Amino acid sequence: MRFFVTGEQNRQMVLNTIVLLFLVYMVVLWVSLGLMYFQRMGLTATSVQEYYLGSAARFTEPRSYQSLLEVSHAHLFSMGMLAVTLTHLLLFAPLADRIKVFLSLVVYLGAIGDEGAGWLVRFVDPRFAYLKIAMFLLMEISLALLISIVIYGLISQRRRQHATRKHPHRKKLAVRGTH
């Protein structure tokens, strides 16, 4: 009863709405990440190598140390903030803690691996292009999975709250496990 008297359900609904809007924004960001990647290269080792090492046939120069450093600086911060935000929201998803930890590790691995693999292609060995492709795919898939899980969790929570407001007695029954 206190939940309804104090207005906590309204604050929860506002927070839920804000997070859902943020996640819609994240979907747009996720799409733009993919579009930017495919604007520069594809899912072939040759396209990745040409992007980082340059191509005489396309008259492109290799990526410079400075340009990679500038891109990495921005990406490491922004992807770190995205990862910490999404993994924080994952805490509220109805999943086992082991799964949350695993998904969090995968997102960070994908983001760091995607950034680092470009450096490896450029300065260590062109064969790291396969790692770049794998890390890009890992990052994109894990971000999509996190976004989807959190959206699902929030929509489910909204439905439960809506049902509880319509039938306040169901909350007591659900807590007792008799519903």
C-alpha atoms as a PDB file:
ATOM      1  CA  MET A   1       0.000   0.000   0.000  1.00  0.00           C
ATOM      2  CA  ARG A   2       2.859   2.412   0.848  1.00  0.00           C
ATOM      3  CA  PHE A   3       4.020   2.013  -2.763  1.00  0.00           C
ATOM      4  CA  PHE A   4       0.821   3.683  -4.027  1.00  0.00           C
ATOM      5  CA  VAL A   5       0.436   6.251  -1.226  1.00  0.00           C
ATOM      6  CA  THR A   6       3.972   7.651  -1.603  1.00  0.00           C
ATOM      7  CA  GLY A   7       3.830   7.723  -5.409  1.00  0.00           C
ATOM      8  CA  GLU A   8       6.786   5.366  -5.823  1.00  0.00           C
ATOM      9  CA  GLN A   9       5.028   3.618  -8.705  1.00  0.00           C
ATOM     10  CA  ASN A  10       4.972   6.905 -10.634  1.00  0.00           C
ATOM     11  CA  ARG A  11       8.688   7.485 -10.079  1.00  0.00           C
ATOM     12  CA  GLN A  12       9.377   3.925 -11.152  1.00  0.00           C
ATOM     13  CA  MET A  13       7.308   4.456 -14.318  1.00  0.00           C
ATOM     14  CA  VAL A  14       9.193   7.673 -15.113  1.00  0.00           C
ATOM     15  CA  LEU A  15      12.562   5.994 -14.589  1.00  0.00           C
ATOM     16  CA  ASN A  16      11.428   3.042 -16.691  1.00  0.00           C
ATOM     17  CA  THR A  17      10.363   5.410 -19.493  1.00  0.00           C
ATOM     18  CA  ILE A  18      13.660   7.332 -19.378  1.00  0.00           C
ATOM     19  CA  VAL A  19      15.661   4.102 -19.586  1.00  0.00           C
ATOM     20  CA  LEU A  20      13.532   2.813 -22.467  1.00  0.00           C
ATOM     21  CA  LEU A  21      14.086   6.068 -24.376  1.00  0.00           C
ATOM     22  CA  PHE A  22      17.825   5.765 -23.710  1.00  0.00           C
ATOM     23  CA  LEU A  23      17.731   2.224 -25.093  1.00  0.00           C
ATOM     24  CA  VAL A  24      15.954   3.397 -28.248  1.00  0.00           C
ATOM     25  CA  TYR A  25      18.796   5.879 -28.628  1.00  0.00           C
ATOM     26  CA  MET A  26      21.267   3.016 -28.114  1.00  0.00           C
ATOM     27  CA  VAL A  27      19.598   1.065 -30.929  1.00  0.00           C
ATOM     28  CA  VAL A  28      20.178   4.035 -33.241  1.00  0.00           C
ATOM     29  CA  LEU A  29      23.802   4.229 -32.049  1.00  0.00           C
ATOM     30  CA  TRP A  30      24.197   0.470 -32.594  1.00  0.00           C
ATOM     31  CA  VAL A  31      22.939   0.801 -36.172  1.00  0.00           C
ATOM     32  CA  SER A  32      25.288   3.722 -36.817  1.00  0.00           C
ATOM     33  CA  LEU A  33      28.247   1.680 -35.489  1.00  0.00           C
ATOM     34  CA  GLY A  34      27.506  -0.986 -38.057  1.00  0.00           C
ATOM     35  CA  LEU A  35      26.967   1.517 -40.855  1.00  0.00           C
ATOM     36  CA  MET A  36      30.260   3.271 -40.100  1.00  0.00           C
ATOM     37  CA  TYR A  37      32.141  -0.023 -40.058  1.00  0.00           C
ATOM     38  CA  PHE A  38      30.686  -1.138 -43.384  1.00  0.00           C
ATOM     39  CA  GLN A  39      31.284   2.288 -44.920  1.00  0.00           C
ATOM     40  CA  ARG A  40      35.021   1.728 -44.374  1.00  0.00           C
ATOM     41  CA  MET A  41      35.443  -2.033 -44.701  1.00  0.00           C
ATOM     42  CA  GLY A  42      33.577  -5.312 -44.901  1.00  0.00           C
ATOM     43  CA  LEU A  43      33.697  -8.741 -43.354  1.00  0.00           C
ATOM     44  CA  THR A  44      36.677  -9.833 -45.439  1.00  0.00           C
ATOM     45  CA  ALA A  45      40.288  -9.777 -44.317  1.00  0.00           C
ATOM     46  CA  THR A  46      41.274  -7.977 -47.516  1.00  0.00           C
ATOM     47  CA  SER A  47      38.906  -5.063 -46.884  1.00  0.00           C
ATOM     48  CA  VAL A  48      40.171  -4.690 -43.304  1.00  0.00           C
ATOM     49  CA  GLN A  49      43.794  -4.842 -44.428  1.00  0.00           C
ATOM     50  CA  GLU A  50      43.192  -2.257 -47.148  1.00  0.00           C
ATOM     51  CA  TYR A  51      41.562   0.083 -44.638  1.00  0.00           C
ATOM     52  CA  TYR A  52      44.431  -0.093 -42.132  1.00  0.00           C
ATOM     53  CA  LEU A  53      47.383  -0.686 -44.478  1.00  0.00           C
ATOM     54  CA  GLY A  54      46.220   1.387 -47.433  1.00  0.00           C
ATOM     55  CA  SER A  55      45.679   0.285 -50.998  1.00  0.00           C
ATOM     56  CA  ALA A  56      47.670   1.245 -54.060  1.00  0.00           C
ATOM     57  CA  ALA A  57      44.720   0.235 -56.262  1.00  0.00           C
ATOM     58  CA  ARG A  58      42.369   2.596 -54.366  1.00  0.00           C
ATOM     59  CA  PHE A  59      45.016   5.258 -53.800  1.00  0.00           C
ATOM     60  CA  THR A  60      44.564   5.156 -50.011  1.00  0.00           C
ATOM     61  CA  GLU A  61      47.285   5.696 -47.432  1.00  0.00           C
ATOM     62  CA  PRO A  62      47.873   3.492 -44.398  1.00  0.00           C
ATOM     63  CA  ARG A  63      46.272   4.681 -41.160  1.00  0.00           C
ATOM     64  CA  SER A  64      48.770   6.778 -39.274  1.00  0.00           C
ATOM     65  CA  TYR A  65      49.735   6.286 -35.653  1.00  0.00           C
ATOM     66  CA  GLN A  66      48.211   9.664 -34.818  1.00  0.00           C
ATOM     67  CA  SER A  67      44.885   8.972 -36.540  1.00  0.00           C
ATOM     68  CA  LEU A  68      44.573   5.586 -34.830  1.00  0.00           C
ATOM     69  CA  LEU A  69      45.449   7.178 -31.492  1.00  0.00           C
ATOM     70  CA  GLU A  70      42.825   9.918 -31.907  1.00  0.00           C
ATOM     71  CA  VAL A  71      40.126   7.424 -32.893  1.00  0.00           C
ATOM     72  CA  SER A  72      41.090   5.046 -30.090  1.00  0.00           C
ATOM     73  CA  HIS A  73      41.028   7.832 -27.532  1.00  0.00           C
ATOM     74  CA  ALA A  74      37.456   8.774 -28.433  1.00  0.00           C
ATOM     75  CA  HIS A  75      36.281   5.184 -28.877  1.00  0.00           C
ATOM     76  CA  LEU A  76      37.759   3.857 -25.653  1.00  0.00           C
ATOM     77  CA  PHE A  77      35.968   6.524 -23.649  1.00  0.00           C
ATOM     78  CA  SER A  78      32.637   6.381 -25.469  1.00  0.00           C
ATOM     79  CA  MET A  79      32.503   2.586 -25.722  1.00  0.00           C
ATOM     80  CA  GLY A  80      33.545   2.322 -22.078  1.00  0.00           C
ATOM     81  CA  MET A  81      30.685   4.604 -21.048  1.00  0.00           C
ATOM     82  CA  LEU A  82      28.270   2.673 -23.239  1.00  0.00           C
ATOM     83  CA  ALA A  83      29.441  -0.652 -21.825  1.00  0.00           C
ATOM     84  CA  VAL A  84      29.273   0.469 -18.200  1.00  0.00           C
ATOM     85  CA  THR A  85      25.806   1.950 -18.729  1.00  0.00           C
ATOM     86  CA  LEU A  86      24.402  -1.118 -20.448  1.00  0.00           C
ATOM     87  CA  THR A  87      25.998  -3.553 -18.024  1.00  0.00           C
ATOM     88  CA  HIS A  88      24.666  -1.469 -15.135  1.00  0.00           C
ATOM     89  CA  LEU A  89      21.169  -1.699 -16.603  1.00  0.00           C
ATOM     90  CA  LEU A  90      21.727  -5.427 -17.004  1.00  0.00           C
ATOM     91  CA  LEU A  91      21.807  -5.655 -13.205  1.00  0.00           C
ATOM     92  CA  PHE A  92      18.047  -5.149 -13.247  1.00  0.00           C
ATOM     93  CA  ALA A  93      17.362  -7.839 -15.846  1.00  0.00           C
ATOM     94  CA  PRO A  94      15.789 -11.090 -14.680  1.00  0.00           C
ATOM     95  CA  LEU A  95      18.917 -13.204 -15.290  1.00  0.00           C
ATOM     96  CA  ALA A  96      21.234 -15.234 -13.095  1.00  0.00           C
ATOM     97  CA  ASP A  97      24.290 -13.318 -11.859  1.00  0.00           C
ATOM     98  CA  ARG A  98      26.648 -15.686 -13.717  1.00  0.00           C
ATOM     99  CA  ILE A  99      24.963 -14.810 -17.005  1.00  0.00           C
ATOM    100  CA  LYS A 100      25.158 -11.076 -16.227  1.00  0.00           C
ATOM    101  CA  VAL A 101      28.870 -11.341 -15.469  1.00  0.00           C
ATOM    102  CA  PHE A 102      29.479 -13.383 -18.616  1.00  0.00           C
ATOM    103  CA  LEU A 103      27.582 -10.921 -20.829  1.00  0.00           C
ATOM    104  CA  SER A 104      29.448  -8.020 -19.239  1.00  0.00           C
ATOM    105  CA  LEU A 105      32.806  -9.667 -19.950  1.00  0.00           C
ATOM    106  CA  VAL A 106      31.803 -10.364 -23.538  1.00  0.00           C
ATOM    107  CA  VAL A 107      30.792  -6.739 -24.158  1.00  0.00           C
ATOM    108  CA  TYR A 108      34.049  -5.384 -22.753  1.00  0.00           C
ATOM    109  CA  LEU A 109      36.095  -7.991 -24.623  1.00  0.00           C
ATOM    110  CA  GLY A 110      34.324  -7.130 -27.879  1.00  0.00           C
ATOM    111  CA  ALA A 111      34.791  -3.379 -27.445  1.00  0.00           C
ATOM    112  CA  ILE A 112      38.447  -3.548 -26.407  1.00  0.00           C
ATOM    113  CA  GLY A 113      39.217  -6.280 -28.936  1.00  0.00           C
ATOM    114  CA  ASP A 114      37.586  -4.343 -31.762  1.00  0.00           C
ATOM    115  CA  GLU A 115      39.689  -1.284 -30.977  1.00  0.00           C
ATOM    116  CA  GLY A 116      42.924  -3.190 -30.387  1.00  0.00           C
ATOM    117  CA  ALA A 117      42.647  -5.405 -33.449  1.00  0.00           C
ATOM    118  CA  GLY A 118      42.949  -2.413 -35.780  1.00  0.00           C
ATOM    119  CA  TRP A 119      46.260  -1.522 -34.161  1.00  0.00           C
ATOM    120  CA  LEU A 120      47.418  -5.107 -34.553  1.00  0.00           C
ATOM    121  CA  VAL A 121      46.536  -5.150 -38.261  1.00  0.00           C
ATOM    122  CA  ARG A 122      48.351  -1.886 -38.852  1.00  0.00           C
ATOM    123  CA  PHE A 123      51.487  -2.392 -36.781  1.00  0.00           C
ATOM    124  CA  VAL A 124      51.931  -6.133 -36.098  1.00  0.00           C
ATOM    125  CA  ASP A 125      50.555  -8.428 -38.803  1.00  0.00           C
ATOM    126  CA  PRO A 126      47.868  -8.112 -41.499  1.00  0.00           C
ATOM    127  CA  ARG A 127      46.446 -11.487 -40.462  1.00  0.00           C
ATOM    128  CA  PHE A 128      44.982  -9.807 -37.377  1.00  0.00           C
ATOM    129  CA  ALA A 129      42.282  -8.653 -39.808  1.00  0.00           C
ATOM    130  CA  TYR A 130      40.415 -11.855 -38.917  1.00  0.00           C
ATOM    131  CA  LEU A 131      40.531 -10.857 -35.256  1.00  0.00           C
ATOM    132  CA  LYS A 132      39.227  -7.391 -36.164  1.00  0.00           C
ATOM    133  CA  ILE A 133      36.242  -8.929 -37.937  1.00  0.00           C
ATOM    134  CA  ALA A 134      35.561 -11.345 -35.076  1.00  0.00           C
ATOM    135  CA  MET A 135      35.797  -8.617 -32.430  1.00  0.00           C
ATOM    136  CA  PHE A 136      33.555  -6.274 -34.405  1.00  0.00           C
ATOM    137  CA  LEU A 137      30.937  -9.015 -34.700  1.00  0.00           C
ATOM    138  CA  LEU A 138      31.313  -9.934 -31.027  1.00  0.00           C
ATOM    139  CA  MET A 139      30.864  -6.314 -30.008  1.00  0.00           C
ATOM    140  CA  GLU A 140      27.834  -5.748 -32.227  1.00  0.00           C
ATOM    141  CA  ILE A 141      26.121  -8.998 -31.254  1.00  0.00           C
ATOM    142  CA  SER A 142      26.786  -8.541 -27.535  1.00  0.00           C
ATOM    143  CA  LEU A 143      25.547  -4.939 -27.597  1.00  0.00           C
ATOM    144  CA  ALA A 144      22.399  -6.012 -29.433  1.00  0.00           C
ATOM    145  CA  LEU A 145      21.871  -8.795 -26.922  1.00  0.00           C
ATOM    146  CA  LEU A 146      22.334  -6.477 -23.932  1.00  0.00           C
ATOM    147  CA  ILE A 147      20.012  -3.851 -25.369  1.00  0.00           C
ATOM    148  CA  SER A 148      17.383  -6.498 -26.157  1.00  0.00           C
ATOM    149  CA  ILE A 149      17.582  -8.102 -22.711  1.00  0.00           C
ATOM    150  CA  VAL A 150      17.244  -4.781 -20.911  1.00  0.00           C
ATOM    151  CA  ILE A 151      14.354  -3.666 -23.162  1.00  0.00           C
ATOM    152  CA  TYR A 152      12.598  -6.978 -22.559  1.00  0.00           C
ATOM    153  CA  GLY A 153      13.136  -6.683 -18.813  1.00  0.00           C
ATOM    154  CA  LEU A 154      11.797  -3.132 -18.688  1.00  0.00           C
ATOM    155  CA  ILE A 155       8.744  -3.913 -20.814  1.00  0.00           C
ATOM    156  CA  SER A 156       8.011  -6.937 -18.631  1.00  0.00           C
ATOM    157  CA  GLN A 157       8.351  -4.769 -15.534  1.00  0.00           C
ATOM    158  CA  ARG A 158       5.962  -2.170 -17.016  1.00  0.00           C
ATOM    159  CA  ARG A 159       3.402  -4.884 -17.709  1.00  0.00           C
ATOM    160  CA  ARG A 160       3.688  -6.205 -14.150  1.00  0.00           C
ATOM    161  CA  GLN A 161       3.317  -2.694 -12.730  1.00  0.00           C
ATOM    162  CA  HIS A 162       0.315  -2.029 -14.934  1.00  0.00           C
ATOM    163  CA  ALA A 163      -1.298  -5.291 -13.840  1.00  0.00           C
ATOM    164  CA  THR A 164      -0.541  -4.504 -10.179  1.00  0.00           C
ATOM    165  CA  ARG A 165      -2.184  -1.084 -10.490  1.00  0.00           C
ATOM    166  CA  LYS A 166      -5.275  -2.622 -12.038  1.00  0.00           C
ATOM    167  CA  HIS A 167      -5.420  -5.408  -9.450  1.00  0.00           C
ATOM    168  CA  PRO A 168      -3.494  -4.337  -6.293  1.00  0.00           C
ATOM    169  CA  HIS A 169      -4.404  -7.578  -4.504  1.00  0.00           C
ATOM    170  CA  ARG A 170      -2.393  -9.578  -7.064  1.00  0.00           C
ATOM    171  CA  LYS A 171       0.848  -8.092  -5.760  1.00  0.00           C
ATOM    172  CA  LYS A 172       0.267  -9.620  -2.342  1.00  0.00           C
ATOM    173  CA  LEU A 173      -0.666 -12.945  -3.916  1.00  0.00           C
ATOM    174  CA  ALA A 174       2.382 -12.921  -6.196  1.00  0.00           C
ATOM    175  CA  VAL A 175       4.688 -12.212  -3.270  1.00  0.00           C
ATOM    176  CA  ARG A 176       3.230 -15.130  -1.325  1.00  0.00           C
ATOM    177  CA  GLY A 177       3.665 -17.364  -4.364  1.00  0.00           C
ATOM    178  CA  THR A 178      -0.015 -18.260  -4.607  1.00  0.00           C
ATOM    179  CA  HIS A 179      -0.737 -16.438  -7.845  1.00  0.00           C
END
